[in-house]
Amino acid sequence: GHYISDLNERYDHFRKIEAIVYDDLPTINIAYYGVAIVMNDD
């Protein structure tokens, strides 16, 4: 995938890799992060 320059082809290729590690679970994904920005009303 490193050598694929066409973006559509490149992204399709890496989506297949994402699916493999999703099934293998070396990392177990829990949640996408949300950030709470706290500001003074001024």
PDB file of all heavy atoms in Angstrom:
ATOM      1  N   GLY A   1       0.802  -1.217   0.000  1.00  0.00           N
ATOM      2  CA  GLY A   1       0.000   0.000   0.000  1.00  0.00           C
ATOM      3  C   GLY A   1       0.831   1.261   0.000  1.00  0.00           C
ATOM      4  O   GLY A   1       0.382   2.315  -0.491  1.00  0.00           O
ATOM      5  N   HIS A   2       2.030   1.175   0.542  1.00  0.00           N
ATOM      6  CA  HIS A   2       2.909   2.347   0.613  1.00  0.00           C
ATOM      7  C   HIS A   2       3.156   2.943  -0.776  1.00  0.00           C
ATOM      8  O   HIS A   2       3.310   4.160  -0.919  1.00  0.00           O
ATOM      9  CB  HIS A   2       4.231   1.939   1.258  1.00  0.00           C
ATOM     10  CG  HIS A   2       5.239   3.043   1.334  1.00  0.00           C
ATOM     11  ND1 HIS A   2       5.154   4.069   2.258  1.00  0.00           N
ATOM     12  CD2 HIS A   2       6.356   3.300   0.581  1.00  0.00           C
ATOM     13  CE1 HIS A   2       6.166   4.898   2.087  1.00  0.00           C
ATOM     14  NE2 HIS A   2       6.907   4.455   1.091  1.00  0.00           N
ATOM     15  N   TYR A   3       3.175   2.099  -1.800  1.00  0.00           N
ATOM     16  CA  TYR A   3       3.551   2.559  -3.135  1.00  0.00           C
ATOM     17  C   TYR A   3       2.354   2.910  -4.014  1.00  0.00           C
ATOM     18  O   TYR A   3       2.520   3.215  -5.194  1.00  0.00           O
ATOM     19  CB  TYR A   3       4.412   1.484  -3.815  1.00  0.00           C
ATOM     20  CG  TYR A   3       5.686   1.210  -3.054  1.00  0.00           C
ATOM     21  CD1 TYR A   3       5.801   0.093  -2.231  1.00  0.00           C
ATOM     22  CD2 TYR A   3       6.768   2.086  -3.124  1.00  0.00           C
ATOM     23  CE1 TYR A   3       6.964  -0.153  -1.506  1.00  0.00           C
ATOM     24  CE2 TYR A   3       7.927   1.847  -2.400  1.00  0.00           C
ATOM     25  CZ  TYR A   3       8.020   0.731  -1.602  1.00  0.00           C
ATOM     26  OH  TYR A   3       9.162   0.501  -0.884  1.00  0.00           O
ATOM     27  N   ILE A   4       1.166   2.854  -3.467  1.00  0.00           N
ATOM     28  CA  ILE A   4      -0.035   3.200  -4.252  1.00  0.00           C
ATOM     29  C   ILE A   4      -0.296   4.695  -4.126  1.00  0.00           C
ATOM     30  O   ILE A   4      -0.560   5.205  -3.031  1.00  0.00           O
ATOM     31  CB  ILE A   4      -1.260   2.402  -3.762  1.00  0.00           C
ATOM     32  CG1 ILE A   4      -0.996   0.896  -3.870  1.00  0.00           C
ATOM     33  CG2 ILE A   4      -2.505   2.793  -4.562  1.00  0.00           C
ATOM     34  CD1 ILE A   4      -2.090   0.025  -3.271  1.00  0.00           C
ATOM     35  N   SER A   5      -0.247   5.420  -5.231  1.00  0.00           N
ATOM     36  CA  SER A   5      -0.411   6.872  -5.217  1.00  0.00           C
ATOM     37  C   SER A   5      -1.843   7.312  -5.485  1.00  0.00           C
ATOM     38  O   SER A   5      -2.280   8.348  -4.973  1.00  0.00           O
ATOM     39  CB  SER A   5       0.530   7.524  -6.240  1.00  0.00           C
ATOM     40  OG  SER A   5       1.880   7.285  -5.892  1.00  0.00           O
ATOM     41  N   ASP A   6      -2.572   6.559  -6.310  1.00  0.00           N
ATOM     42  CA  ASP A   6      -3.967   6.928  -6.592  1.00  0.00           C
ATOM     43  C   ASP A   6      -4.780   6.811  -5.304  1.00  0.00           C
ATOM     44  O   ASP A   6      -4.839   5.740  -4.681  1.00  0.00           O
ATOM     45  CB  ASP A   6      -4.547   6.002  -7.663  1.00  0.00           C
ATOM     46  CG  ASP A   6      -5.997   6.316  -7.967  1.00  0.00           C
ATOM     47  OD1 ASP A   6      -6.263   7.239  -8.757  1.00  0.00           O
ATOM     48  OD2 ASP A   6      -6.880   5.634  -7.375  1.00  0.00           O
ATOM     49  N   LEU A   7      -5.420   7.916  -4.880  1.00  0.00           N
ATOM     50  CA  LEU A   7      -6.048   7.944  -3.564  1.00  0.00           C
ATOM     51  C   LEU A   7      -7.182   6.942  -3.429  1.00  0.00           C
ATOM     52  O   LEU A   7      -7.312   6.273  -2.392  1.00  0.00           O
ATOM     53  CB  LEU A   7      -6.550   9.355  -3.241  1.00  0.00           C
ATOM     54  CG  LEU A   7      -5.466  10.373  -2.875  1.00  0.00           C
ATOM     55  CD1 LEU A   7      -6.095  11.709  -2.496  1.00  0.00           C
ATOM     56  CD2 LEU A   7      -4.585   9.874  -1.731  1.00  0.00           C
ATOM     57  N   ASN A   8      -8.031   6.813  -4.437  1.00  0.00           N
ATOM     58  CA  ASN A   8      -9.149   5.868  -4.331  1.00  0.00           C
ATOM     59  C   ASN A   8      -8.642   4.441  -4.179  1.00  0.00           C
ATOM     60  O   ASN A   8      -9.125   3.684  -3.318  1.00  0.00           O
ATOM     61  CB  ASN A   8     -10.063   5.982  -5.552  1.00  0.00           C
ATOM     62  CG  ASN A   8     -10.853   7.273  -5.561  1.00  0.00           C
ATOM     63  OD1 ASN A   8     -11.193   7.816  -4.506  1.00  0.00           O
ATOM     64  ND2 ASN A   8     -11.145   7.788  -6.742  1.00  0.00           N
ATOM     65  N   GLU A   9      -7.669   4.079  -4.992  1.00  0.00           N
ATOM     66  CA  GLU A   9      -7.089   2.737  -4.909  1.00  0.00           C
ATOM     67  C   GLU A   9      -6.367   2.556  -3.574  1.00  0.00           C
ATOM     68  O   GLU A   9      -6.447   1.496  -2.937  1.00  0.00           O
ATOM     69  CB  GLU A   9      -6.119   2.529  -6.071  1.00  0.00           C
ATOM     70  CG  GLU A   9      -5.505   1.135  -6.116  1.00  0.00           C
ATOM     71  CD  GLU A   9      -4.505   0.980  -7.260  1.00  0.00           C
ATOM     72  OE1 GLU A   9      -4.428   1.881  -8.112  1.00  0.00           O
ATOM     73  OE2 GLU A   9      -3.784  -0.044  -7.261  1.00  0.00           O
ATOM     74  N   ARG A  10      -5.673   3.590  -3.152  1.00  0.00           N
ATOM     75  CA  ARG A  10      -4.917   3.546  -1.899  1.00  0.00           C
ATOM     76  C   ARG A  10      -5.849   3.328  -0.705  1.00  0.00           C
ATOM     77  O   ARG A  10      -5.622   2.461   0.137  1.00  0.00           O
ATOM     78  CB  ARG A  10      -4.143   4.857  -1.748  1.00  0.00           C
ATOM     79  CG  ARG A  10      -3.287   4.955  -0.505  1.00  0.00           C
ATOM     80  CD  ARG A  10      -2.529   6.287  -0.498  1.00  0.00           C
ATOM     81  NE  ARG A  10      -1.716   6.414   0.703  1.00  0.00           N
ATOM     82  CZ  ARG A  10      -0.508   5.874   0.867  1.00  0.00           C
ATOM     83  NH1 ARG A  10       0.018   5.146  -0.113  1.00  0.00           N
ATOM     84  NH2 ARG A  10       0.165   6.035   1.987  1.00  0.00           N
ATOM     85  N   TYR A  11      -6.918   4.107  -0.663  1.00  0.00           N
ATOM     86  CA  TYR A  11      -7.850   3.993   0.469  1.00  0.00           C
ATOM     87  C   TYR A  11      -8.538   2.639   0.484  1.00  0.00           C
ATOM     88  O   TYR A  11      -8.728   2.031   1.549  1.00  0.00           O
ATOM     89  CB  TYR A  11      -8.880   5.116   0.421  1.00  0.00           C
ATOM     90  CG  TYR A  11      -8.312   6.502   0.668  1.00  0.00           C
ATOM     91  CD1 TYR A  11      -9.077   7.647   0.420  1.00  0.00           C
ATOM     92  CD2 TYR A  11      -7.016   6.683   1.154  1.00  0.00           C
ATOM     93  CE1 TYR A  11      -8.564   8.918   0.646  1.00  0.00           C
ATOM     94  CE2 TYR A  11      -6.502   7.954   1.379  1.00  0.00           C
ATOM     95  CZ  TYR A  11      -7.284   9.059   1.118  1.00  0.00           C
ATOM     96  OH  TYR A  11      -6.783  10.325   1.349  1.00  0.00           O
ATOM     97  N   ASP A  12      -8.934   2.121  -0.682  1.00  0.00           N
ATOM     98  CA  ASP A  12      -9.551   0.788  -0.744  1.00  0.00           C
ATOM     99  C   ASP A  12      -8.604  -0.284  -0.209  1.00  0.00           C
ATOM    100  O   ASP A  12      -9.016  -1.203   0.513  1.00  0.00           O
ATOM    101  CB  ASP A  12      -9.937   0.444  -2.190  1.00  0.00           C
ATOM    102  CG  ASP A  12     -11.227   1.127  -2.622  1.00  0.00           C
ATOM    103  OD1 ASP A  12     -11.984   1.584  -1.748  1.00  0.00           O
ATOM    104  OD2 ASP A  12     -11.478   1.212  -3.849  1.00  0.00           O
ATOM    105  N   HIS A  13      -7.342  -0.152  -0.569  1.00  0.00           N
ATOM    106  CA  HIS A  13      -6.341  -1.124  -0.119  1.00  0.00           C
ATOM    107  C   HIS A  13      -6.209  -1.113   1.404  1.00  0.00           C
ATOM    108  O   HIS A  13      -6.226  -2.176   2.051  1.00  0.00           O
ATOM    109  CB  HIS A  13      -4.996  -0.801  -0.774  1.00  0.00           C
ATOM    110  CG  HIS A  13      -3.905  -1.759  -0.417  1.00  0.00           C
ATOM    111  ND1 HIS A  13      -3.730  -2.970  -1.068  1.00  0.00           N
ATOM    112  CD2 HIS A  13      -2.932  -1.705   0.539  1.00  0.00           C
ATOM    113  CE1 HIS A  13      -2.706  -3.618  -0.543  1.00  0.00           C
ATOM    114  NE2 HIS A  13      -2.205  -2.866   0.438  1.00  0.00           N
ATOM    115  N   PHE A  14      -6.116   0.065   1.993  1.00  0.00           N
ATOM    116  CA  PHE A  14      -5.932   0.145   3.435  1.00  0.00           C
ATOM    117  C   PHE A  14      -7.206  -0.195   4.207  1.00  0.00           C
ATOM    118  O   PHE A  14      -7.137  -0.621   5.366  1.00  0.00           O
ATOM    119  CB  PHE A  14      -5.386   1.520   3.823  1.00  0.00           C
ATOM    120  CG  PHE A  14      -3.907   1.651   3.574  1.00  0.00           C
ATOM    121  CD1 PHE A  14      -3.426   2.380   2.495  1.00  0.00           C
ATOM    122  CD2 PHE A  14      -2.998   1.006   4.392  1.00  0.00           C
ATOM    123  CE1 PHE A  14      -2.059   2.477   2.252  1.00  0.00           C
ATOM    124  CE2 PHE A  14      -1.629   1.100   4.165  1.00  0.00           C
ATOM    125  CZ  PHE A  14      -1.157   1.835   3.086  1.00  0.00           C
ATOM    126  N   ARG A  15      -8.370  -0.056   3.568  1.00  0.00           N
ATOM    127  CA  ARG A  15      -9.616  -0.503   4.226  1.00  0.00           C
ATOM    128  C   ARG A  15      -9.595  -2.009   4.464  1.00  0.00           C
ATOM    129  O   ARG A  15     -10.124  -2.500   5.466  1.00  0.00           O
ATOM    130  CB  ARG A  15     -10.824  -0.111   3.384  1.00  0.00           C
ATOM    131  CG  ARG A  15     -11.143   1.383   3.399  1.00  0.00           C
ATOM    132  CD  ARG A  15     -12.396   1.713   2.609  1.00  0.00           C
ATOM    133  NE  ARG A  15     -12.556   3.153   2.485  1.00  0.00           N
ATOM    134  CZ  ARG A  15     -12.432   3.840   1.340  1.00  0.00           C
ATOM    135  NH1 ARG A  15     -12.171   3.188   0.204  1.00  0.00           N
ATOM    136  NH2 ARG A  15     -12.571   5.151   1.327  1.00  0.00           N
ATOM    137  N   LYS A  16      -8.989  -2.759   3.535  1.00  0.00           N
ATOM    138  CA  LYS A  16      -8.886  -4.210   3.703  1.00  0.00           C
ATOM    139  C   LYS A  16      -8.004  -4.550   4.903  1.00  0.00           C
ATOM    140  O   LYS A  16      -8.284  -5.490   5.656  1.00  0.00           O
ATOM    141  CB  LYS A  16      -8.318  -4.835   2.431  1.00  0.00           C
ATOM    142  CG  LYS A  16      -9.223  -4.679   1.210  1.00  0.00           C
ATOM    143  CD  LYS A  16      -8.532  -5.170  -0.054  1.00  0.00           C
ATOM    144  CE  LYS A  16      -9.399  -4.907  -1.288  1.00  0.00           C
ATOM    145  NZ  LYS A  16      -8.688  -5.254  -2.544  1.00  0.00           N
ATOM    146  N   ILE A  17      -6.948  -3.786   5.087  1.00  0.00           N
ATOM    147  CA  ILE A  17      -6.063  -4.017   6.235  1.00  0.00           C
ATOM    148  C   ILE A  17      -6.788  -3.686   7.537  1.00  0.00           C
ATOM    149  O   ILE A  17      -6.674  -4.417   8.532  1.00  0.00           O
ATOM    150  CB  ILE A  17      -4.782  -3.167   6.090  1.00  0.00           C
ATOM    151  CG1 ILE A  17      -4.050  -3.534   4.810  1.00  0.00           C
ATOM    152  CG2 ILE A  17      -3.885  -3.335   7.315  1.00  0.00           C
ATOM    153  CD1 ILE A  17      -2.928  -2.591   4.439  1.00  0.00           C
ATOM    154  N   GLU A  18      -7.549  -2.587   7.521  1.00  0.00           N
ATOM    155  CA  GLU A  18      -8.310  -2.210   8.711  1.00  0.00           C
ATOM    156  C   GLU A  18      -9.270  -3.327   9.111  1.00  0.00           C
ATOM    157  O   GLU A  18      -9.464  -3.607  10.295  1.00  0.00           O
ATOM    158  CB  GLU A  18      -9.072  -0.911   8.456  1.00  0.00           C
ATOM    159  CG  GLU A  18      -9.746  -0.354   9.696  1.00  0.00           C
ATOM    160  CD  GLU A  18     -10.559   0.900   9.431  1.00  0.00           C
ATOM    161  OE1 GLU A  18     -10.653   1.331   8.256  1.00  0.00           O
ATOM    162  OE2 GLU A  18     -11.131   1.446  10.393  1.00  0.00           O
ATOM    163  N   ALA A  19      -9.866  -3.999   8.109  1.00  0.00           N
ATOM    164  CA  ALA A  19     -10.799  -5.093   8.401  1.00  0.00           C
ATOM    165  C   ALA A  19     -10.077  -6.294   9.024  1.00  0.00           C
ATOM    166  O   ALA A  19     -10.623  -6.967   9.908  1.00  0.00           O
ATOM    167  CB  ALA A  19     -11.512  -5.514   7.120  1.00  0.00           C
ATOM    168  N   ILE A  20      -8.857  -6.568   8.591  1.00  0.00           N
ATOM    169  CA  ILE A  20      -8.106  -7.702   9.139  1.00  0.00           C
ATOM    170  C   ILE A  20      -7.797  -7.483  10.618  1.00  0.00           C
ATOM    171  O   ILE A  20      -8.013  -8.368  11.457  1.00  0.00           O
ATOM    172  CB  ILE A  20      -6.799  -7.924   8.340  1.00  0.00           C
ATOM    173  CG1 ILE A  20      -7.124  -8.391   6.913  1.00  0.00           C
ATOM    174  CG2 ILE A  20      -5.905  -8.942   9.053  1.00  0.00           C
ATOM    175  CD1 ILE A  20      -5.903  -8.460   6.005  1.00  0.00           C
ATOM    176  N   VAL A  21      -7.313  -6.283  10.965  1.00  0.00           N
ATOM    177  CA  VAL A  21      -6.949  -6.052  12.368  1.00  0.00           C
ATOM    178  C   VAL A  21      -8.191  -5.892  13.242  1.00  0.00           C
ATOM    179  O   VAL A  21      -8.142  -6.180  14.451  1.00  0.00           O
ATOM    180  CB  VAL A  21      -6.003  -4.840  12.508  1.00  0.00           C
ATOM    181  CG1 VAL A  21      -4.693  -5.117  11.778  1.00  0.00           C
ATOM    182  CG2 VAL A  21      -6.632  -3.553  12.000  1.00  0.00           C
ATOM    183  N   TYR A  22      -9.291  -5.467  12.637  1.00  0.00           N
ATOM    184  CA  TYR A  22     -10.567  -5.420  13.367  1.00  0.00           C
ATOM    185  C   TYR A  22     -10.950  -6.833  13.804  1.00  0.00           C
ATOM    186  O   TYR A  22     -11.474  -7.039  14.915  1.00  0.00           O
ATOM    187  CB  TYR A  22     -11.634  -4.823  12.449  1.00  0.00           C
ATOM    188  CG  TYR A  22     -13.066  -4.949  12.903  1.00  0.00           C
ATOM    189  CD1 TYR A  22     -13.644  -3.976  13.723  1.00  0.00           C
ATOM    190  CD2 TYR A  22     -13.872  -6.004  12.475  1.00  0.00           C
ATOM    191  CE1 TYR A  22     -14.978  -4.073  14.113  1.00  0.00           C
ATOM    192  CE2 TYR A  22     -15.198  -6.110  12.858  1.00  0.00           C
ATOM    193  CZ  TYR A  22     -15.747  -5.144  13.681  1.00  0.00           C
ATOM    194  OH  TYR A  22     -17.070  -5.246  14.060  1.00  0.00           O
ATOM    195  N   ASP A  23     -10.702  -7.823  12.964  1.00  0.00           N
ATOM    196  CA  ASP A  23     -11.024  -9.210  13.298  1.00  0.00           C
ATOM    197  C   ASP A  23      -9.972  -9.836  14.203  1.00  0.00           C
ATOM    198  O   ASP A  23     -10.300 -10.586  15.135  1.00  0.00           O
ATOM    199  CB  ASP A  23     -11.151 -10.033  12.015  1.00  0.00           C
ATOM    200  CG  ASP A  23     -11.517 -11.477  12.284  1.00  0.00           C
ATOM    201  OD1 ASP A  23     -12.644 -11.728  12.777  1.00  0.00           O
ATOM    202  OD2 ASP A  23     -10.674 -12.370  12.029  1.00  0.00           O
ATOM    203  N   ASP A  24      -8.698  -9.520  13.996  1.00  0.00           N
ATOM    204  CA  ASP A  24      -7.625 -10.120  14.794  1.00  0.00           C
ATOM    205  C   ASP A  24      -7.581  -9.576  16.222  1.00  0.00           C
ATOM    206  O   ASP A  24      -7.105 -10.267  17.132  1.00  0.00           O
ATOM    207  CB  ASP A  24      -6.272  -9.880  14.118  1.00  0.00           C
ATOM    208  CG  ASP A  24      -5.981 -10.894  13.023  1.00  0.00           C
ATOM    209  OD1 ASP A  24      -6.772 -11.840  12.862  1.00  0.00           O
ATOM    210  OD2 ASP A  24      -4.949 -10.750  12.332  1.00  0.00           O
ATOM    211  N   LEU A  25      -7.966  -8.322  16.394  1.00  0.00           N
ATOM    212  CA  LEU A  25      -8.053  -7.695  17.720  1.00  0.00           C
ATOM    213  C   LEU A  25      -6.740  -7.642  18.508  1.00  0.00           C
ATOM    214  O   LEU A  25      -6.723  -7.914  19.709  1.00  0.00           O
ATOM    215  CB  LEU A  25      -9.122  -8.381  18.573  1.00  0.00           C
ATOM    216  CG  LEU A  25     -10.574  -8.178  18.140  1.00  0.00           C
ATOM    217  CD1 LEU A  25     -11.499  -9.072  18.954  1.00  0.00           C
ATOM    218  CD2 LEU A  25     -10.975  -6.716  18.319  1.00  0.00           C
ATOM    219  N   PRO A  26      -5.630  -7.259  17.872  1.00  0.00           N
ATOM    220  CA  PRO A  26      -4.452  -6.963  18.712  1.00  0.00           C
ATOM    221  C   PRO A  26      -4.716  -5.725  19.565  1.00  0.00           C
ATOM    222  O   PRO A  26      -4.163  -5.585  20.654  1.00  0.00           O
ATOM    223  CB  PRO A  26      -3.345  -6.711  17.691  1.00  0.00           C
ATOM    224  CG  PRO A  26      -4.069  -6.301  16.440  1.00  0.00           C
ATOM    225  CD  PRO A  26      -5.353  -7.055  16.451  1.00  0.00           C
ATOM    226  N   THR A  27      -5.546  -4.840  19.031  1.00  0.00           N
ATOM    227  CA  THR A  27      -6.080  -3.719  19.804  1.00  0.00           C
ATOM    228  C   THR A  27      -7.604  -3.841  19.781  1.00  0.00           C
ATOM    229  O   THR A  27      -8.190  -4.204  18.752  1.00  0.00           O
ATOM    230  CB  THR A  27      -5.664  -2.361  19.215  1.00  0.00           C
ATOM    231  OG1 THR A  27      -6.161  -2.240  17.875  1.00  0.00           O
ATOM    232  CG2 THR A  27      -4.157  -2.204  19.196  1.00  0.00           C
ATOM    233  N   ILE A  28      -8.213  -3.562  20.897  1.00  0.00           N
ATOM    234  CA  ILE A  28      -9.671  -3.670  21.029  1.00  0.00           C
ATOM    235  C   ILE A  28     -10.216  -2.249  21.120  1.00  0.00           C
ATOM    236  O   ILE A  28      -9.959  -1.528  22.090  1.00  0.00           O
ATOM    237  CB  ILE A  28     -10.039  -4.499  22.274  1.00  0.00           C
ATOM    238  CG1 ILE A  28      -9.475  -5.926  22.119  1.00  0.00           C
ATOM    239  CG2 ILE A  28     -11.549  -4.530  22.479  1.00  0.00           C
ATOM    240  CD1 ILE A  28      -9.503  -6.737  23.405  1.00  0.00           C
ATOM    241  N   ASN A  29     -10.915  -1.825  20.075  1.00  0.00           N
ATOM    242  CA  ASN A  29     -11.385  -0.444  19.987  1.00  0.00           C
ATOM    243  C   ASN A  29     -12.634  -0.253  20.852  1.00  0.00           C
ATOM    244  O   ASN A  29     -13.579  -1.031  20.765  1.00  0.00           O
ATOM    245  CB  ASN A  29     -11.696  -0.082  18.539  1.00  0.00           C
ATOM    246  CG  ASN A  29     -10.520  -0.365  17.616  1.00  0.00           C
ATOM    247  OD1 ASN A  29      -9.373  -0.234  18.027  1.00  0.00           O
ATOM    248  ND2 ASN A  29     -10.805  -0.754  16.383  1.00  0.00           N
ATOM    249  N   ILE A  30     -12.622   0.782  21.672  1.00  0.00           N
ATOM    250  CA  ILE A  30     -13.727   1.009  22.604  1.00  0.00           C
ATOM    251  C   ILE A  30     -14.608   2.179  22.166  1.00  0.00           C
ATOM    252  O   ILE A  30     -15.816   2.022  21.992  1.00  0.00           O
ATOM    253  CB  ILE A  30     -13.203   1.293  24.029  1.00  0.00           C
ATOM    254  CG1 ILE A  30     -12.182   0.221  24.457  1.00  0.00           C
ATOM    255  CG2 ILE A  30     -14.369   1.361  25.010  1.00  0.00           C
ATOM    256  CD1 ILE A  30     -12.715  -1.180  24.518  1.00  0.00           C
ATOM    257  N   ALA A  31     -14.011   3.342  21.974  1.00  0.00           N
ATOM    258  CA  ALA A  31     -14.809   4.536  21.648  1.00  0.00           C
ATOM    259  C   ALA A  31     -13.953   5.562  20.925  1.00  0.00           C
ATOM    260  O   ALA A  31     -12.735   5.634  21.137  1.00  0.00           O
ATOM    261  CB  ALA A  31     -15.395   5.158  22.918  1.00  0.00           C
ATOM    262  N   TYR A  32     -14.603   6.328  20.052  1.00  0.00           N
ATOM    263  CA  TYR A  32     -13.942   7.476  19.447  1.00  0.00           C
ATOM    264  C   TYR A  32     -14.023   8.635  20.428  1.00  0.00           C
ATOM    265  O   TYR A  32     -15.049   8.877  21.062  1.00  0.00           O
ATOM    266  CB  TYR A  32     -14.602   7.856  18.119  1.00  0.00           C
ATOM    267  CG  TYR A  32     -14.608   6.733  17.115  1.00  0.00           C
ATOM    268  CD1 TYR A  32     -15.806   6.242  16.583  1.00  0.00           C
ATOM    269  CD2 TYR A  32     -13.421   6.143  16.695  1.00  0.00           C
ATOM    270  CE1 TYR A  32     -15.820   5.212  15.658  1.00  0.00           C
ATOM    271  CE2 TYR A  32     -13.423   5.096  15.773  1.00  0.00           C
ATOM    272  CZ  TYR A  32     -14.622   4.641  15.263  1.00  0.00           C
ATOM    273  OH  TYR A  32     -14.628   3.609  14.356  1.00  0.00           O
ATOM    274  N   TYR A  33     -12.947   9.333  20.536  1.00  0.00           N
ATOM    275  CA  TYR A  33     -12.778  10.365  21.565  1.00  0.00           C
ATOM    276  C   TYR A  33     -13.670  11.575  21.288  1.00  0.00           C
ATOM    277  O   TYR A  33     -13.823  12.010  20.148  1.00  0.00           O
ATOM    278  CB  TYR A  33     -11.321  10.813  21.574  1.00  0.00           C
ATOM    279  CG  TYR A  33     -10.850  11.504  22.823  1.00  0.00           C
ATOM    280  CD1 TYR A  33     -10.261  10.772  23.848  1.00  0.00           C
ATOM    281  CD2 TYR A  33     -10.950  12.878  22.973  1.00  0.00           C
ATOM    282  CE1 TYR A  33      -9.786  11.395  24.992  1.00  0.00           C
ATOM    283  CE2 TYR A  33     -10.470  13.510  24.108  1.00  0.00           C
ATOM    284  CZ  TYR A  33      -9.894  12.766  25.113  1.00  0.00           C
ATOM    285  OH  TYR A  33      -9.429  13.390  26.242  1.00  0.00           O
ATOM    286  N   GLY A  34     -14.238  12.103  22.341  1.00  0.00           N
ATOM    287  CA  GLY A  34     -14.897  13.396  22.268  1.00  0.00           C
ATOM    288  C   GLY A  34     -14.161  14.348  23.187  1.00  0.00           C
ATOM    289  O   GLY A  34     -13.704  13.957  24.262  1.00  0.00           O
ATOM    290  N   VAL A  35     -13.990  15.581  22.752  1.00  0.00           N
ATOM    291  CA  VAL A  35     -13.284  16.554  23.571  1.00  0.00           C
ATOM    292  C   VAL A  35     -14.276  17.593  24.077  1.00  0.00           C
ATOM    293  O   VAL A  35     -15.137  18.063  23.325  1.00  0.00           O
ATOM    294  CB  VAL A  35     -12.123  17.222  22.801  1.00  0.00           C
ATOM    295  CG1 VAL A  35     -12.616  17.976  21.580  1.00  0.00           C
ATOM    296  CG2 VAL A  35     -11.319  18.142  23.704  1.00  0.00           C
ATOM    297  N   ALA A  36     -14.198  17.919  25.355  1.00  0.00           N
ATOM    298  CA  ALA A  36     -15.060  18.929  25.965  1.00  0.00           C
ATOM    299  C   ALA A  36     -14.253  20.211  26.133  1.00  0.00           C
ATOM    300  O   ALA A  36     -13.335  20.264  26.946  1.00  0.00           O
ATOM    301  CB  ALA A  36     -15.587  18.446  27.311  1.00  0.00           C
ATOM    302  N   ILE A  37     -14.593  21.222  25.344  1.00  0.00           N
ATOM    303  CA  ILE A  37     -13.929  22.521  25.425  1.00  0.00           C
ATOM    304  C   ILE A  37     -14.733  23.398  26.382  1.00  0.00           C
ATOM    305  O   ILE A  37     -15.930  23.598  26.199  1.00  0.00           O
ATOM    306  CB  ILE A  37     -13.860  23.205  24.052  1.00  0.00           C
ATOM    307  CG1 ILE A  37     -13.153  22.298  23.030  1.00  0.00           C
ATOM    308  CG2 ILE A  37     -13.177  24.564  24.152  1.00  0.00           C
ATOM    309  CD1 ILE A  37     -11.691  22.072  23.297  1.00  0.00           C
ATOM    310  N   VAL A  38     -14.073  23.891  27.429  1.00  0.00           N
ATOM    311  CA  VAL A  38     -14.737  24.706  28.443  1.00  0.00           C
ATOM    312  C   VAL A  38     -14.197  26.133  28.331  1.00  0.00           C
ATOM    313  O   VAL A  38     -12.983  26.346  28.384  1.00  0.00           O
ATOM    314  CB  VAL A  38     -14.498  24.163  29.859  1.00  0.00           C
ATOM    315  CG1 VAL A  38     -15.432  24.852  30.851  1.00  0.00           C
ATOM    316  CG2 VAL A  38     -14.694  22.647  29.912  1.00  0.00           C
ATOM    317  N   MET A  39     -15.111  27.102  28.185  1.00  0.00           N
ATOM    318  CA  MET A  39     -14.699  28.484  27.962  1.00  0.00           C
ATOM    319  C   MET A  39     -15.459  29.442  28.865  1.00  0.00           C
ATOM    320  O   MET A  39     -16.633  29.224  29.179  1.00  0.00           O
ATOM    321  CB  MET A  39     -14.950  28.885  26.505  1.00  0.00           C
ATOM    322  CG  MET A  39     -14.032  28.229  25.511  1.00  0.00           C
ATOM    323  SD  MET A  39     -14.448  28.658  23.799  1.00  0.00           S
ATOM    324  CE  MET A  39     -15.732  27.442  23.466  1.00  0.00           C
ATOM    325  N   ASN A  40     -14.781  30.508  29.224  1.00  0.00           N
ATOM    326  CA  ASN A  40     -15.426  31.644  29.840  1.00  0.00           C
ATOM    327  C   ASN A  40     -16.395  32.246  28.817  1.00  0.00           C
ATOM    328  O   ASN A  40     -16.117  32.266  27.617  1.00  0.00           O
ATOM    329  CB  ASN A  40     -14.335  32.664  30.220  1.00  0.00           C
ATOM    330  CG  ASN A  40     -14.856  33.843  30.981  1.00  0.00           C
ATOM    331  OD1 ASN A  40     -15.758  34.542  30.526  1.00  0.00           O
ATOM    332  ND2 ASN A  40     -14.266  34.104  32.132  1.00  0.00           N
ATOM    333  N   ASP A  41     -17.536  32.749  29.274  1.00  0.00           N
ATOM    334  CA  ASP A  41     -18.518  33.317  28.347  1.00  0.00           C
ATOM    335  C   ASP A  41     -18.002  34.551  27.622  1.00  0.00           C
ATOM    336  O   ASP A  41     -18.586  34.972  26.609  1.00  0.00           O
ATOM    337  CB  ASP A  41     -19.815  33.676  29.090  1.00  0.00           C
ATOM    338  CG  ASP A  41     -20.674  32.458  29.393  1.00  0.00           C
ATOM    339  OD1 ASP A  41     -20.381  31.378  28.841  1.00  0.00           O
ATOM    340  OD2 ASP A  41     -21.621  32.573  30.197  1.00  0.00           O
ATOM    341  N   ASP A  42     -16.915  35.138  28.123  1.00  0.00           N
ATOM    342  CA  ASP A  42     -16.326  36.287  27.437  1.00  0.00           C
ATOM    343  C   ASP A  42     -15.569  35.867  26.179  1.00  0.00           C
ATOM    344  O   ASP A  42     -15.219  36.716  25.356  1.00  0.00           O
ATOM    345  CB  ASP A  42     -15.371  37.034  28.374  1.00  0.00           C
ATOM    346  CG  ASP A  42     -16.102  37.800  29.470  1.00  0.00           C
ATOM    347  OD1 ASP A  42     -17.288  38.144  29.249  1.00  0.00           O
ATOM    348  OD2 ASP A  42     -15.513  38.040  30.535  1.00  0.00           O
TER     349      ASP A  42
END
